[in-house]
Amino acid sequence: MYIEKTKASENNNAIDEELIGLIANKDKQAFDDLISRHIGTLYSVAYRMRFDKHDAEDIVQETMMRVWQRAETWDREAGASVRTWMYAIAHNLCIDFKRRAAKKPHLELVQEPTDKSPSADELVQEKQVEKIVGNSVAQLPDNQRAAIVLCHYQKLSNKEAAEVMNTSVKAVESLLVRAKKALYGNLYQKRSLL
């Protein structure tokens, strides 16, 4: 099973490498293909880092624009896969968005109307848990949140997460330990809501 997973991963990396080479030569079809392969996971990373749908959409759009403009800068010899290179771009944009948001005056956010249609109890419970966990993740410091998002939600290895975050594997492992401890503590306090 591990060998099959490794071969599939290597095959996906080879496809991405071929596409990025074509994109460097401004091949629009290759760009469309790369977008369709990764847009969902890039959105997931951006959303879990910012917890804002519109910011996540803007970050994905900016990420893909940078991939198009800078495809020739991706270097196989540097060791990062095309996927982790794109995650690194998205991660850095998330940090930039947070900095820009901190400089803007804070306005009261309008809540979107909730769906009033009846749903199953399990679905309600799942949504409540998801919200509580999401709020707990949102309260983590940026680097801890990035480590959790990349390693647990996006299933990157610690090494890949370290490449995305431009840090060491040991630093990622330390961030994960601290993040999990903070999450457990926060969730333990809110256990009555679960």
C-alpha atoms as a PDB file:
ATOM      1  CA  MET A   1       0.000   0.000   0.000  1.00  0.00           C
ATOM      2  CA  TYR A   2       2.799   2.451   0.903  1.00  0.00           C
ATOM      3  CA  ILE A   3       4.598   1.644  -2.369  1.00  0.00           C
ATOM      4  CA  GLU A   4       1.410   2.306  -4.367  1.00  0.00           C
ATOM      5  CA  LYS A   5       0.876   5.606  -2.524  1.00  0.00           C
ATOM      6  CA  THR A   6       4.502   6.619  -3.109  1.00  0.00           C
ATOM      7  CA  LYS A   7       4.249   5.788  -6.828  1.00  0.00           C
ATOM      8  CA  ALA A   8       1.008   7.762  -7.126  1.00  0.00           C
ATOM      9  CA  SER A   9       2.656  10.720  -5.388  1.00  0.00           C
ATOM     10  CA  GLU A  10       5.696  10.503  -7.666  1.00  0.00           C
ATOM     11  CA  ASN A  11       3.398  10.315 -10.701  1.00  0.00           C
ATOM     12  CA  ASN A  12       1.471  13.396  -9.526  1.00  0.00           C
ATOM     13  CA  ASN A  13       4.761  15.238  -8.962  1.00  0.00           C
ATOM     14  CA  ALA A  14       5.925  14.309 -12.472  1.00  0.00           C
ATOM     15  CA  ILE A  15       2.673  15.605 -13.977  1.00  0.00           C
ATOM     16  CA  ASP A  16       2.965  18.850 -11.999  1.00  0.00           C
ATOM     17  CA  GLU A  17       6.590  19.271 -13.065  1.00  0.00           C
ATOM     18  CA  GLU A  18       5.661  18.787 -16.711  1.00  0.00           C
ATOM     19  CA  LEU A  19       2.819  21.291 -16.394  1.00  0.00           C
ATOM     20  CA  ILE A  20       4.957  23.931 -14.665  1.00  0.00           C
ATOM     21  CA  GLY A  21       7.552  23.583 -17.424  1.00  0.00           C
ATOM     22  CA  LEU A  22       4.857  24.258 -20.023  1.00  0.00           C
ATOM     23  CA  ILE A  23       3.480  27.149 -17.972  1.00  0.00           C
ATOM     24  CA  ALA A  24       6.962  28.695 -17.902  1.00  0.00           C
ATOM     25  CA  ASN A  25       6.576  28.833 -21.702  1.00  0.00           C
ATOM     26  CA  LYS A  26       3.119  30.467 -21.238  1.00  0.00           C
ATOM     27  CA  ASP A  27       1.035  27.409 -22.186  1.00  0.00           C
ATOM     28  CA  LYS A  28      -2.506  28.357 -21.125  1.00  0.00           C
ATOM     29  CA  GLN A  29      -3.882  24.808 -21.331  1.00  0.00           C
ATOM     30  CA  ALA A  30      -1.150  23.561 -18.967  1.00  0.00           C
ATOM     31  CA  PHE A  31      -2.030  26.406 -16.615  1.00  0.00           C
ATOM     32  CA  ASP A  32      -5.720  25.436 -16.703  1.00  0.00           C
ATOM     33  CA  ASP A  33      -4.767  21.820 -16.008  1.00  0.00           C
ATOM     34  CA  LEU A  34      -2.576  22.770 -13.029  1.00  0.00           C
ATOM     35  CA  ILE A  35      -5.326  24.990 -11.636  1.00  0.00           C
ATOM     36  CA  SER A  36      -7.906  22.226 -11.882  1.00  0.00           C
ATOM     37  CA  ARG A  37      -5.523  19.829 -10.088  1.00  0.00           C
ATOM     38  CA  HIS A  38      -4.828  22.127  -7.120  1.00  0.00           C
ATOM     39  CA  ILE A  39      -7.461  24.845  -6.786  1.00  0.00           C
ATOM     40  CA  GLY A  40      -9.474  22.915  -4.188  1.00  0.00           C
ATOM     41  CA  THR A  41      -6.547  22.270  -1.870  1.00  0.00           C
ATOM     42  CA  LEU A  42      -5.207  25.805  -2.275  1.00  0.00           C
ATOM     43  CA  TYR A  43      -8.626  27.186  -1.344  1.00  0.00           C
ATOM     44  CA  SER A  44      -8.742  24.854   1.656  1.00  0.00           C
ATOM     45  CA  VAL A  45      -5.338  26.098   2.868  1.00  0.00           C
ATOM     46  CA  ALA A  46      -6.284  29.745   2.369  1.00  0.00           C
ATOM     47  CA  TYR A  47      -9.671  29.368   4.043  1.00  0.00           C
ATOM     48  CA  ARG A  48      -8.287  27.552   7.063  1.00  0.00           C
ATOM     49  CA  MET A  49      -5.558  30.157   7.446  1.00  0.00           C
ATOM     50  CA  ARG A  50      -7.875  33.176   7.107  1.00  0.00           C
ATOM     51  CA  PHE A  51     -11.367  31.805   7.969  1.00  0.00           C
ATOM     52  CA  ASP A  52     -12.858  34.187   5.444  1.00  0.00           C
ATOM     53  CA  LYS A  53     -14.364  33.005   2.157  1.00  0.00           C
ATOM     54  CA  HIS A  54     -13.594  36.201   0.247  1.00  0.00           C
ATOM     55  CA  ASP A  55      -9.999  36.425   1.481  1.00  0.00           C
ATOM     56  CA  ALA A  56      -9.486  32.757   0.597  1.00  0.00           C
ATOM     57  CA  GLU A  57     -10.802  33.337  -2.932  1.00  0.00           C
ATOM     58  CA  ASP A  58      -8.545  36.383  -3.357  1.00  0.00           C
ATOM     59  CA  ILE A  59      -5.544  34.454  -2.048  1.00  0.00           C
ATOM     60  CA  VAL A  60      -6.142  31.557  -4.449  1.00  0.00           C
ATOM     61  CA  GLN A  61      -6.536  33.965  -7.351  1.00  0.00           C
ATOM     62  CA  GLU A  62      -3.336  35.801  -6.418  1.00  0.00           C
ATOM     63  CA  THR A  63      -1.523  32.467  -5.923  1.00  0.00           C
ATOM     64  CA  MET A  64      -2.468  31.269  -9.380  1.00  0.00           C
ATOM     65  CA  MET A  65      -1.501  34.622 -10.903  1.00  0.00           C
ATOM     66  CA  ARG A  66       1.921  34.331  -9.286  1.00  0.00           C
ATOM     67  CA  VAL A  67       2.284  30.743 -10.508  1.00  0.00           C
ATOM     68  CA  TRP A  68       1.581  31.984 -14.047  1.00  0.00           C
ATOM     69  CA  GLN A  69       3.997  34.921 -13.736  1.00  0.00           C
ATOM     70  CA  ARG A  70       6.775  33.063 -11.911  1.00  0.00           C
ATOM     71  CA  ALA A  71       6.589  29.496 -13.235  1.00  0.00           C
ATOM     72  CA  GLU A  72      10.132  29.708 -14.523  1.00  0.00           C
ATOM     73  CA  THR A  73      11.405  30.403 -10.983  1.00  0.00           C
ATOM     74  CA  TRP A  74      10.338  26.968  -9.694  1.00  0.00           C
ATOM     75  CA  ASP A  75      13.493  24.886  -9.393  1.00  0.00           C
ATOM     76  CA  ARG A  76      13.395  21.089  -9.134  1.00  0.00           C
ATOM     77  CA  GLU A  77      16.915  21.108  -7.707  1.00  0.00           C
ATOM     78  CA  ALA A  78      15.766  23.248  -4.754  1.00  0.00           C
ATOM     79  CA  GLY A  79      13.902  20.186  -3.480  1.00  0.00           C
ATOM     80  CA  ALA A  80      10.342  21.504  -3.184  1.00  0.00           C
ATOM     81  CA  SER A  81       7.626  19.880  -5.265  1.00  0.00           C
ATOM     82  CA  VAL A  82       5.425  22.101  -7.406  1.00  0.00           C
ATOM     83  CA  ARG A  83       2.601  21.469  -4.925  1.00  0.00           C
ATOM     84  CA  THR A  84       4.611  22.625  -1.886  1.00  0.00           C
ATOM     85  CA  TRP A  85       5.935  25.599  -3.891  1.00  0.00           C
ATOM     86  CA  MET A  86       2.331  26.673  -4.573  1.00  0.00           C
ATOM     87  CA  TYR A  87       1.378  26.079  -0.917  1.00  0.00           C
ATOM     88  CA  ALA A  88       4.305  28.297   0.098  1.00  0.00           C
ATOM     89  CA  ILE A  89       3.010  31.079  -2.161  1.00  0.00           C
ATOM     90  CA  ALA A  90      -0.488  30.737  -0.682  1.00  0.00           C
ATOM     91  CA  HIS A  91       0.897  30.597   2.879  1.00  0.00           C
ATOM     92  CA  ASN A  92       2.903  33.792   2.361  1.00  0.00           C
ATOM     93  CA  LEU A  93      -0.132  35.535   0.859  1.00  0.00           C
ATOM     94  CA  CYS A  94      -2.203  34.540   3.910  1.00  0.00           C
ATOM     95  CA  ILE A  95       0.365  36.229   6.132  1.00  0.00           C
ATOM     96  CA  ASP A  96       0.360  39.306   3.864  1.00  0.00           C
ATOM     97  CA  PHE A  97      -3.456  39.466   3.989  1.00  0.00           C
ATOM     98  CA  LYS A  98      -3.366  39.359   7.783  1.00  0.00           C
ATOM     99  CA  ARG A  99      -0.847  42.205   7.896  1.00  0.00           C
ATOM    100  CA  ARG A 100      -2.932  44.301   5.510  1.00  0.00           C
ATOM    101  CA  ALA A 101      -6.094  43.586   7.485  1.00  0.00           C
ATOM    102  CA  ALA A 102      -4.402  44.721  10.700  1.00  0.00           C
ATOM    103  CA  LYS A 103      -3.657  48.096   9.090  1.00  0.00           C
ATOM    104  CA  LYS A 104      -7.246  48.652   7.922  1.00  0.00           C
ATOM    105  CA  PRO A 105      -9.853  50.109  10.268  1.00  0.00           C
ATOM    106  CA  HIS A 106     -12.009  47.356  11.738  1.00  0.00           C
ATOM    107  CA  LEU A 107     -15.582  47.391  10.544  1.00  0.00           C
ATOM    108  CA  GLU A 108     -18.422  45.381  12.014  1.00  0.00           C
ATOM    109  CA  LEU A 109     -18.846  42.224   9.952  1.00  0.00           C
ATOM    110  CA  VAL A 110     -22.340  41.398   8.807  1.00  0.00           C
ATOM    111  CA  GLN A 111     -23.269  37.788   9.428  1.00  0.00           C
ATOM    112  CA  GLU A 112     -24.636  35.896   6.462  1.00  0.00           C
ATOM    113  CA  PRO A 113     -28.171  34.638   7.042  1.00  0.00           C
ATOM    114  CA  THR A 114     -28.272  31.064   8.237  1.00  0.00           C
ATOM    115  CA  ASP A 115     -30.227  28.375   6.491  1.00  0.00           C
ATOM    116  CA  LYS A 116     -33.484  27.896   8.428  1.00  0.00           C
ATOM    117  CA  SER A 117     -34.407  24.619   6.758  1.00  0.00           C
ATOM    118  CA  PRO A 118     -34.669  21.622   9.102  1.00  0.00           C
ATOM    119  CA  SER A 119     -31.718  19.256   9.202  1.00  0.00           C
ATOM    120  CA  ALA A 120     -30.806  16.006  10.934  1.00  0.00           C
ATOM    121  CA  ASP A 121     -29.500  16.167  14.510  1.00  0.00           C
ATOM    122  CA  GLU A 122     -26.229  14.609  13.467  1.00  0.00           C
ATOM    123  CA  LEU A 123     -25.661  17.299  10.858  1.00  0.00           C
ATOM    124  CA  VAL A 124     -26.301  20.030  13.441  1.00  0.00           C
ATOM    125  CA  GLN A 125     -23.954  18.377  15.920  1.00  0.00           C
ATOM    126  CA  GLU A 126     -21.266  18.035  13.238  1.00  0.00           C
ATOM    127  CA  LYS A 127     -21.572  21.697  12.289  1.00  0.00           C
ATOM    128  CA  GLN A 128     -21.307  22.762  15.943  1.00  0.00           C
ATOM    129  CA  VAL A 129     -18.191  20.696  16.461  1.00  0.00           C
ATOM    130  CA  GLU A 130     -16.702  21.997  13.208  1.00  0.00           C
ATOM    131  CA  LYS A 131     -17.389  25.582  14.288  1.00  0.00           C
ATOM    132  CA  ILE A 132     -15.923  25.112  17.751  1.00  0.00           C
ATOM    133  CA  VAL A 133     -12.824  23.411  16.351  1.00  0.00           C
ATOM    134  CA  GLY A 134     -12.543  26.067  13.616  1.00  0.00           C
ATOM    135  CA  ASN A 135     -12.762  28.855  16.200  1.00  0.00           C
ATOM    136  CA  SER A 136     -10.129  27.134  18.314  1.00  0.00           C
ATOM    137  CA  VAL A 137      -7.821  26.773  15.301  1.00  0.00           C
ATOM    138  CA  ALA A 138      -8.424  30.436  14.407  1.00  0.00           C
ATOM    139  CA  GLN A 139      -7.212  31.481  17.881  1.00  0.00           C
ATOM    140  CA  LEU A 140      -3.831  29.781  17.425  1.00  0.00           C
ATOM    141  CA  PRO A 141      -0.793  31.920  16.586  1.00  0.00           C
ATOM    142  CA  ASP A 142      -0.138  32.113  12.827  1.00  0.00           C
ATOM    143  CA  ASN A 143       2.738  29.619  12.706  1.00  0.00           C
ATOM    144  CA  GLN A 144       0.912  27.052  14.843  1.00  0.00           C
ATOM    145  CA  ARG A 145      -2.232  27.444  12.735  1.00  0.00           C
ATOM    146  CA  ALA A 146      -0.193  27.052   9.544  1.00  0.00           C
ATOM    147  CA  ALA A 147       1.413  23.860  10.861  1.00  0.00           C
ATOM    148  CA  ILE A 148      -1.999  22.389  11.800  1.00  0.00           C
ATOM    149  CA  VAL A 149      -3.582  23.375   8.472  1.00  0.00           C
ATOM    150  CA  LEU A 150      -0.744  22.045   6.349  1.00  0.00           C
ATOM    151  CA  CYS A 151      -0.063  18.818   8.255  1.00  0.00           C
ATOM    152  CA  HIS A 152      -3.515  17.773   9.432  1.00  0.00           C
ATOM    153  CA  TYR A 153      -6.003  19.310   7.021  1.00  0.00           C
ATOM    154  CA  GLN A 154      -3.855  19.199   3.871  1.00  0.00           C
ATOM    155  CA  LYS A 155      -1.986  16.011   4.841  1.00  0.00           C
ATOM    156  CA  LEU A 156       1.471  17.396   4.033  1.00  0.00           C
ATOM    157  CA  SER A 157       4.419  15.696   5.654  1.00  0.00           C
ATOM    158  CA  ASN A 158       6.317  17.645   8.296  1.00  0.00           C
ATOM    159  CA  LYS A 159       9.127  18.063   5.766  1.00  0.00           C
ATOM    160  CA  GLU A 160       6.772  19.513   3.141  1.00  0.00           C
ATOM    161  CA  ALA A 161       5.189  21.817   5.718  1.00  0.00           C
ATOM    162  CA  ALA A 162       8.666  22.982   6.741  1.00  0.00           C
ATOM    163  CA  GLU A 163       9.402  23.826   3.096  1.00  0.00           C
ATOM    164  CA  VAL A 164       6.145  25.752   2.763  1.00  0.00           C
ATOM    165  CA  MET A 165       6.745  27.641   6.011  1.00  0.00           C
ATOM    166  CA  ASN A 166      10.439  28.163   5.292  1.00  0.00           C
ATOM    167  CA  THR A 167      11.523  26.586   8.568  1.00  0.00           C
ATOM    168  CA  SER A 168      13.016  23.341   9.859  1.00  0.00           C
ATOM    169  CA  VAL A 169      11.215  20.035  10.382  1.00  0.00           C
ATOM    170  CA  LYS A 170      11.973  20.252  14.113  1.00  0.00           C
ATOM    171  CA  ALA A 171      10.360  23.688  14.233  1.00  0.00           C
ATOM    172  CA  VAL A 172       7.232  22.320  12.533  1.00  0.00           C
ATOM    173  CA  GLU A 173       7.123  19.420  14.992  1.00  0.00           C
ATOM    174  CA  SER A 174       7.437  21.855  17.893  1.00  0.00           C
ATOM    175  CA  LEU A 175       4.695  24.070  16.448  1.00  0.00           C
ATOM    176  CA  LEU A 176       2.424  21.034  16.089  1.00  0.00           C
ATOM    177  CA  VAL A 177       2.998  19.974  19.699  1.00  0.00           C
ATOM    178  CA  ARG A 178       2.245  23.465  21.000  1.00  0.00           C
ATOM    179  CA  ALA A 179      -0.783  23.829  18.701  1.00  0.00           C
ATOM    180  CA  LYS A 180      -2.245  20.479  19.747  1.00  0.00           C
ATOM    181  CA  LYS A 181      -1.723  21.309  23.409  1.00  0.00           C
ATOM    182  CA  ALA A 182      -3.459  24.665  22.979  1.00  0.00           C
ATOM    183  CA  LEU A 183      -6.307  23.078  21.000  1.00  0.00           C
ATOM    184  CA  TYR A 184      -6.828  20.312  23.549  1.00  0.00           C
ATOM    185  CA  GLY A 185      -6.887  22.855  26.358  1.00  0.00           C
ATOM    186  CA  ASN A 186      -9.317  25.107  24.523  1.00  0.00           C
ATOM    187  CA  LEU A 187     -11.574  22.224  23.481  1.00  0.00           C
ATOM    188  CA  TYR A 188     -11.486  20.742  26.991  1.00  0.00           C
ATOM    189  CA  GLN A 189     -12.844  24.035  28.317  1.00  0.00           C
ATOM    190  CA  LYS A 190     -15.621  23.975  25.724  1.00  0.00           C
ATOM    191  CA  ARG A 191     -16.454  20.265  26.097  1.00  0.00           C
ATOM    192  CA  SER A 192     -19.908  21.053  27.467  1.00  0.00           C
ATOM    193  CA  LEU A 193     -20.757  22.639  24.123  1.00  0.00           C
ATOM    194  CA  LEU A 194     -19.786  19.514  22.171  1.00  0.00           C
END
